[in-house]
Amino acid sequence: MPSQRASLHAKCVVVDDGAVFVSSANFTEAAQTKNLEVGLLVHSRSIASHLVGHCRALVDASLLKAIPLTR
């Protein structure tokens, strides 16, 4: 079976382990000015923890590649 490739389309941000922002919007001009995009901000430590754990598990399983932060 050939290997399959996929990408994470949702944009997910966890802030201070207590707030989660998930959006479909890209950071392109079209996404910001022409497309109909939606995002959701949730204040929940439980959901934030679950999302971080899920993403870490995907990285650990080599299904998602972590991109190092640059400063």
PDB file of N, CA and C in Angstrom:
ATOM      1  N   MET A   1       0.844  -1.168   0.000  1.00  0.00           N
ATOM      2  CA  MET A   1       0.000   0.000   0.000  1.00  0.00           C
ATOM      3  C   MET A   1       0.895   1.239   0.000  1.00  0.00           C
ATOM      4  N   PRO A   2       0.679   2.167  -0.929  1.00  0.00           N
ATOM      5  CA  PRO A   2       1.517   3.369  -0.958  1.00  0.00           C
ATOM      6  C   PRO A   2       1.271   4.244   0.273  1.00  0.00           C
ATOM      7  N   SER A   3       2.332   4.949   0.675  1.00  0.00           N
ATOM      8  CA  SER A   3       2.151   5.833   1.831  1.00  0.00           C
ATOM      9  C   SER A   3       1.211   6.970   1.458  1.00  0.00           C
ATOM     10  N   GLN A   4       0.472   7.415   2.427  1.00  0.00           N
ATOM     11  CA  GLN A   4      -0.481   8.489   2.211  1.00  0.00           C
ATOM     12  C   GLN A   4       0.021   9.735   2.904  1.00  0.00           C
ATOM     13  N   ARG A   5      -0.281  10.874   2.327  1.00  0.00           N
ATOM     14  CA  ARG A   5       0.128  12.139   2.899  1.00  0.00           C
ATOM     15  C   ARG A   5      -1.111  12.963   3.216  1.00  0.00           C
ATOM     16  N   ALA A   6      -1.087  13.615   4.349  1.00  0.00           N
ATOM     17  CA  ALA A   6      -2.194  14.476   4.747  1.00  0.00           C
ATOM     18  C   ALA A   6      -1.617  15.699   5.443  1.00  0.00           C
ATOM     19  N   SER A   7      -2.438  16.699   5.604  1.00  0.00           N
ATOM     20  CA  SER A   7      -1.985  17.889   6.327  1.00  0.00           C
ATOM     21  C   SER A   7      -3.073  18.335   7.294  1.00  0.00           C
ATOM     22  N   LEU A   8      -2.638  18.993   8.344  1.00  0.00           N
ATOM     23  CA  LEU A   8      -3.573  19.548   9.309  1.00  0.00           C
ATOM     24  C   LEU A   8      -4.052  20.880   8.758  1.00  0.00           C
ATOM     25  N   HIS A   9      -5.320  20.941   8.385  1.00  0.00           N
ATOM     26  CA  HIS A   9      -5.840  22.173   7.787  1.00  0.00           C
ATOM     27  C   HIS A   9      -6.299  23.164   8.848  1.00  0.00           C
ATOM     28  N   ALA A  10      -6.834  22.673   9.947  1.00  0.00           N
ATOM     29  CA  ALA A  10      -7.292  23.581  11.005  1.00  0.00           C
ATOM     30  C   ALA A  10      -6.093  24.283  11.628  1.00  0.00           C
ATOM     31  N   LYS A  11      -6.268  25.532  11.938  1.00  0.00           N
ATOM     32  CA  LYS A  11      -5.228  26.295  12.606  1.00  0.00           C
ATOM     33  C   LYS A  11      -5.602  26.301  14.083  1.00  0.00           C
ATOM     34  N   CYS A  12      -4.718  25.779  14.922  1.00  0.00           N
ATOM     35  CA  CYS A  12      -5.004  25.618  16.340  1.00  0.00           C
ATOM     36  C   CYS A  12      -3.955  26.357  17.157  1.00  0.00           C
ATOM     37  N   VAL A  13      -4.416  27.142  18.115  1.00  0.00           N
ATOM     38  CA  VAL A  13      -3.519  27.862  19.013  1.00  0.00           C
ATOM     39  C   VAL A  13      -4.007  27.637  20.437  1.00  0.00           C
ATOM     40  N   VAL A  14      -3.084  27.242  21.318  1.00  0.00           N
ATOM     41  CA  VAL A  14      -3.399  27.114  22.735  1.00  0.00           C
ATOM     42  C   VAL A  14      -2.638  28.218  23.463  1.00  0.00           C
ATOM     43  N   VAL A  15      -3.357  28.989  24.284  1.00  0.00           N
ATOM     44  CA  VAL A  15      -2.762  30.123  24.995  1.00  0.00           C
ATOM     45  C   VAL A  15      -2.821  29.868  26.496  1.00  0.00           C
ATOM     46  N   ASP A  16      -1.670  29.943  27.138  1.00  0.00           N
ATOM     47  CA  ASP A  16      -1.576  29.836  28.601  1.00  0.00           C
ATOM     48  C   ASP A  16      -2.276  28.601  29.167  1.00  0.00           C
ATOM     49  N   ASP A  17      -2.267  27.514  28.422  1.00  0.00           N
ATOM     50  CA  ASP A  17      -2.880  26.250  28.861  1.00  0.00           C
ATOM     51  C   ASP A  17      -4.339  26.383  29.270  1.00  0.00           C
ATOM     52  N   GLY A  18      -5.019  27.450  28.784  1.00  0.00           N
ATOM     53  CA  GLY A  18      -6.384  27.630  29.231  1.00  0.00           C
ATOM     54  C   GLY A  18      -7.350  28.126  28.180  1.00  0.00           C
ATOM     55  N   ALA A  19      -6.831  28.579  27.047  1.00  0.00           N
ATOM     56  CA  ALA A  19      -7.701  29.060  25.972  1.00  0.00           C
ATOM     57  C   ALA A  19      -7.262  28.405  24.671  1.00  0.00           C
ATOM     58  N   VAL A  20      -8.232  28.046  23.851  1.00  0.00           N
ATOM     59  CA  VAL A  20      -7.968  27.398  22.568  1.00  0.00           C
ATOM     60  C   VAL A  20      -8.658  28.199  21.475  1.00  0.00           C
ATOM     61  N   PHE A  21      -7.898  28.510  20.415  1.00  0.00           N
ATOM     62  CA  PHE A  21      -8.478  29.144  19.229  1.00  0.00           C
ATOM     63  C   PHE A  21      -8.274  28.185  18.078  1.00  0.00           C
ATOM     64  N   VAL A  22      -9.361  27.792  17.428  1.00  0.00           N
ATOM     65  CA  VAL A  22      -9.319  26.905  16.271  1.00  0.00           C
ATOM     66  C   VAL A  22     -10.031  27.623  15.131  1.00  0.00           C
ATOM     67  N   SER A  23      -9.376  27.667  13.975  1.00  0.00           N
ATOM     68  CA  SER A  23      -9.929  28.401  12.841  1.00  0.00           C
ATOM     69  C   SER A  23      -9.627  27.678  11.537  1.00  0.00           C
ATOM     70  N   SER A  24     -10.437  27.947  10.547  1.00  0.00           N
ATOM     71  CA  SER A  24     -10.175  27.427   9.209  1.00  0.00           C
ATOM     72  C   SER A  24      -9.377  28.424   8.378  1.00  0.00           C
ATOM     73  N   ALA A  25      -9.232  29.648   8.863  1.00  0.00           N
ATOM     74  CA  ALA A  25      -8.624  30.724   8.070  1.00  0.00           C
ATOM     75  C   ALA A  25      -7.118  30.555   7.913  1.00  0.00           C
ATOM     76  N   ASN A  26      -6.643  30.764   6.705  1.00  0.00           N
ATOM     77  CA  ASN A  26      -5.220  30.860   6.432  1.00  0.00           C
ATOM     78  C   ASN A  26      -4.796  32.309   6.627  1.00  0.00           C
ATOM     79  N   PHE A  27      -3.509  32.533   6.730  1.00  0.00           N
ATOM     80  CA  PHE A  27      -3.009  33.901   6.863  1.00  0.00           C
ATOM     81  C   PHE A  27      -2.589  34.427   5.500  1.00  0.00           C
ATOM     82  N   THR A  28      -3.521  34.370   4.542  1.00  0.00           N
ATOM     83  CA  THR A  28      -3.296  34.912   3.205  1.00  0.00           C
ATOM     84  C   THR A  28      -4.253  36.080   2.997  1.00  0.00           C
ATOM     85  N   GLU A  29      -3.968  36.884   2.014  1.00  0.00           N
ATOM     86  CA  GLU A  29      -4.840  38.025   1.727  1.00  0.00           C
ATOM     87  C   GLU A  29      -6.257  37.552   1.387  1.00  0.00           C
ATOM     88  N   ALA A  30      -6.352  36.517   0.560  1.00  0.00           N
ATOM     89  CA  ALA A  30      -7.677  36.016   0.169  1.00  0.00           C
ATOM     90  C   ALA A  30      -8.454  35.520   1.385  1.00  0.00           C
ATOM     91  N   ALA A  31      -7.789  34.787   2.264  1.00  0.00           N
ATOM     92  CA  ALA A  31      -8.480  34.253   3.440  1.00  0.00           C
ATOM     93  C   ALA A  31      -8.962  35.375   4.354  1.00  0.00           C
ATOM     94  N   GLN A  32      -8.192  36.439   4.414  1.00  0.00           N
ATOM     95  CA  GLN A  32      -8.536  37.519   5.329  1.00  0.00           C
ATOM     96  C   GLN A  32      -9.512  38.530   4.736  1.00  0.00           C
ATOM     97  N   THR A  33      -9.592  38.607   3.402  1.00  0.00           N
ATOM     98  CA  THR A  33     -10.428  39.651   2.796  1.00  0.00           C
ATOM     99  C   THR A  33     -11.557  39.131   1.911  1.00  0.00           C
ATOM    100  N   LYS A  34     -11.429  37.913   1.362  1.00  0.00           N
ATOM    101  CA  LYS A  34     -12.409  37.431   0.384  1.00  0.00           C
ATOM    102  C   LYS A  34     -13.162  36.180   0.825  1.00  0.00           C
ATOM    103  N   ASN A  35     -12.493  35.282   1.497  1.00  0.00           N
ATOM    104  CA  ASN A  35     -13.111  34.003   1.857  1.00  0.00           C
ATOM    105  C   ASN A  35     -14.009  34.146   3.073  1.00  0.00           C
ATOM    106  N   LEU A  36     -14.952  33.239   3.175  1.00  0.00           N
ATOM    107  CA  LEU A  36     -15.766  33.134   4.377  1.00  0.00           C
ATOM    108  C   LEU A  36     -15.106  32.084   5.252  1.00  0.00           C
ATOM    109  N   GLU A  37     -14.498  32.531   6.336  1.00  0.00           N
ATOM    110  CA  GLU A  37     -13.788  31.637   7.256  1.00  0.00           C
ATOM    111  C   GLU A  37     -14.464  31.719   8.611  1.00  0.00           C
ATOM    112  N   VAL A  38     -14.182  30.749   9.464  1.00  0.00           N
ATOM    113  CA  VAL A  38     -14.768  30.752  10.794  1.00  0.00           C
ATOM    114  C   VAL A  38     -13.720  30.315  11.812  1.00  0.00           C
ATOM    115  N   GLY A  39     -13.818  30.868  13.001  1.00  0.00           N
ATOM    116  CA  GLY A  39     -12.923  30.495  14.084  1.00  0.00           C
ATOM    117  C   GLY A  39     -13.707  30.417  15.381  1.00  0.00           C
ATOM    118  N   LEU A  40     -13.159  29.680  16.329  1.00  0.00           N
ATOM    119  CA  LEU A  40     -13.833  29.488  17.603  1.00  0.00           C
ATOM    120  C   LEU A  40     -12.815  29.651  18.729  1.00  0.00           C
ATOM    121  N   LEU A  41     -13.127  30.506  19.698  1.00  0.00           N
ATOM    122  CA  LEU A  41     -12.294  30.698  20.879  1.00  0.00           C
ATOM    123  C   LEU A  41     -13.003  30.066  22.072  1.00  0.00           C
ATOM    124  N   VAL A  42     -12.312  29.136  22.734  1.00  0.00           N
ATOM    125  CA  VAL A  42     -12.885  28.430  23.874  1.00  0.00           C
ATOM    126  C   VAL A  42     -11.956  28.601  25.073  1.00  0.00           C
ATOM    127  N   HIS A  43     -12.514  29.034  26.185  1.00  0.00           N
ATOM    128  CA  HIS A  43     -11.743  29.146  27.425  1.00  0.00           C
ATOM    129  C   HIS A  43     -12.009  27.891  28.249  1.00  0.00           C
ATOM    130  N   SER A  44     -11.084  26.931  28.148  1.00  0.00           N
ATOM    131  CA  SER A  44     -11.257  25.645  28.849  1.00  0.00           C
ATOM    132  C   SER A  44      -9.898  24.984  29.022  1.00  0.00           C
ATOM    133  N   ARG A  45      -9.472  24.827  30.271  1.00  0.00           N
ATOM    134  CA  ARG A  45      -8.197  24.140  30.525  1.00  0.00           C
ATOM    135  C   ARG A  45      -8.272  22.685  30.083  1.00  0.00           C
ATOM    136  N   SER A  46      -9.417  22.069  30.233  1.00  0.00           N
ATOM    137  CA  SER A  46      -9.588  20.678  29.840  1.00  0.00           C
ATOM    138  C   SER A  46      -9.412  20.500  28.331  1.00  0.00           C
ATOM    139  N   ILE A  47     -10.071  21.332  27.557  1.00  0.00           N
ATOM    140  CA  ILE A  47      -9.954  21.234  26.092  1.00  0.00           C
ATOM    141  C   ILE A  47      -8.538  21.598  25.649  1.00  0.00           C
ATOM    142  N   ALA A  48      -7.943  22.618  26.269  1.00  0.00           N
ATOM    143  CA  ALA A  48      -6.566  23.006  25.922  1.00  0.00           C
ATOM    144  C   ALA A  48      -5.614  21.843  26.174  1.00  0.00           C
ATOM    145  N   SER A  49      -5.747  21.202  27.319  1.00  0.00           N
ATOM    146  CA  SER A  49      -4.887  20.071  27.659  1.00  0.00           C
ATOM    147  C   SER A  49      -5.087  18.915  26.685  1.00  0.00           C
ATOM    148  N   HIS A  50      -6.333  18.638  26.334  1.00  0.00           N
ATOM    149  CA  HIS A  50      -6.633  17.558  25.398  1.00  0.00           C
ATOM    150  C   HIS A  50      -6.018  17.846  24.019  1.00  0.00           C
ATOM    151  N   LEU A  51      -6.141  19.074  23.533  1.00  0.00           N
ATOM    152  CA  LEU A  51      -5.595  19.432  22.217  1.00  0.00           C
ATOM    153  C   LEU A  51      -4.078  19.327  22.208  1.00  0.00           C
ATOM    154  N   VAL A  52      -3.419  19.828  23.247  1.00  0.00           N
ATOM    155  CA  VAL A  52      -1.955  19.728  23.336  1.00  0.00           C
ATOM    156  C   VAL A  52      -1.535  18.265  23.367  1.00  0.00           C
ATOM    157  N   GLY A  53      -2.217  17.452  24.173  1.00  0.00           N
ATOM    158  CA  GLY A  53      -1.890  16.027  24.246  1.00  0.00           C
ATOM    159  C   GLY A  53      -2.092  15.321  22.923  1.00  0.00           C
ATOM    160  N   HIS A  54      -3.167  15.661  22.226  1.00  0.00           N
ATOM    161  CA  HIS A  54      -3.454  15.052  20.927  1.00  0.00           C
ATOM    162  C   HIS A  54      -2.347  15.394  19.914  1.00  0.00           C
ATOM    163  N   CYS A  55      -1.966  16.652  19.866  1.00  0.00           N
ATOM    164  CA  CYS A  55      -0.915  17.065  18.926  1.00  0.00           C
ATOM    165  C   CYS A  55       0.429  16.433  19.275  1.00  0.00           C
ATOM    166  N   ARG A  56       0.740  16.353  20.563  1.00  0.00           N
ATOM    167  CA  ARG A  56       1.996  15.702  20.978  1.00  0.00           C
ATOM    168  C   ARG A  56       1.993  14.222  20.595  1.00  0.00           C
ATOM    169  N   ALA A  57       0.848  13.560  20.742  1.00  0.00           N
ATOM    170  CA  ALA A  57       0.753  12.145  20.355  1.00  0.00           C
ATOM    171  C   ALA A  57       0.960  11.974  18.852  1.00  0.00           C
ATOM    172  N   LEU A  58       0.427  12.887  18.050  1.00  0.00           N
ATOM    173  CA  LEU A  58       0.637  12.823  16.598  1.00  0.00           C
ATOM    174  C   LEU A  58       2.109  13.021  16.244  1.00  0.00           C
ATOM    175  N   VAL A  59       2.777  13.935  16.943  1.00  0.00           N
ATOM    176  CA  VAL A  59       4.219  14.147  16.726  1.00  0.00           C
ATOM    177  C   VAL A  59       4.990  12.899  17.142  1.00  0.00           C
ATOM    178  N   ASP A  60       4.676  12.347  18.315  1.00  0.00           N
ATOM    179  CA  ASP A  60       5.366  11.145  18.808  1.00  0.00           C
ATOM    180  C   ASP A  60       5.193   9.970  17.860  1.00  0.00           C
ATOM    181  N   ALA A  61       4.059   9.894  17.175  1.00  0.00           N
ATOM    182  CA  ALA A  61       3.791   8.807  16.231  1.00  0.00           C
ATOM    183  C   ALA A  61       4.318   9.126  14.833  1.00  0.00           C
ATOM    184  N   SER A  62       5.026  10.246  14.710  1.00  0.00           N
ATOM    185  CA  SER A  62       5.577  10.711  13.421  1.00  0.00           C
ATOM    186  C   SER A  62       4.487  10.951  12.375  1.00  0.00           C
ATOM    187  N   LEU A  63       3.290  11.297  12.842  1.00  0.00           N
ATOM    188  CA  LEU A  63       2.197  11.626  11.924  1.00  0.00           C
ATOM    189  C   LEU A  63       2.084  13.128  11.704  1.00  0.00           C
ATOM    190  N   LEU A  64       2.743  13.889  12.546  1.00  0.00           N
ATOM    191  CA  LEU A  64       2.754  15.343  12.466  1.00  0.00           C
ATOM    192  C   LEU A  64       4.161  15.786  12.808  1.00  0.00           C
ATOM    193  N   LYS A  65       4.673  16.736  12.078  1.00  0.00           N
ATOM    194  CA  LYS A  65       6.041  17.205  12.298  1.00  0.00           C
ATOM    195  C   LYS A  65       6.012  18.523  13.066  1.00  0.00           C
ATOM    196  N   ALA A  66       6.732  18.545  14.176  1.00  0.00           N
ATOM    197  CA  ALA A  66       6.847  19.778  14.958  1.00  0.00           C
ATOM    198  C   ALA A  66       7.784  20.739  14.232  1.00  0.00           C
ATOM    199  N   ILE A  67       7.414  22.000  14.195  1.00  0.00           N
ATOM    200  CA  ILE A  67       8.261  23.023  13.594  1.00  0.00           C
ATOM    201  C   ILE A  67       8.857  23.849  14.723  1.00  0.00           C
ATOM    202  N   PRO A  68      10.187  23.855  14.847  1.00  0.00           N
ATOM    203  CA  PRO A  68      10.806  24.581  15.947  1.00  0.00           C
ATOM    204  C   PRO A  68      10.512  26.080  15.874  1.00  0.00           C
ATOM    205  N   LEU A  69      10.325  26.689  17.037  1.00  0.00           N
ATOM    206  CA  LEU A  69      10.124  28.137  17.102  1.00  0.00           C
ATOM    207  C   LEU A  69      11.444  28.836  16.811  1.00  0.00           C
ATOM    208  N   THR A  70      11.363  29.937  16.100  1.00  0.00           N
ATOM    209  CA  THR A  70      12.558  30.752  15.854  1.00  0.00           C
ATOM    210  C   THR A  70      12.326  32.108  16.474  1.00  0.00           C
ATOM    211  N   ARG A  71      13.357  32.694  16.959  1.00  0.00           N
ATOM    212  CA  ARG A  71      13.241  34.015  17.593  1.00  0.00           C
ATOM    213  C   ARG A  71      14.145  34.999  16.925  1.00  0.00           C
TER     214      ARG A  71
END
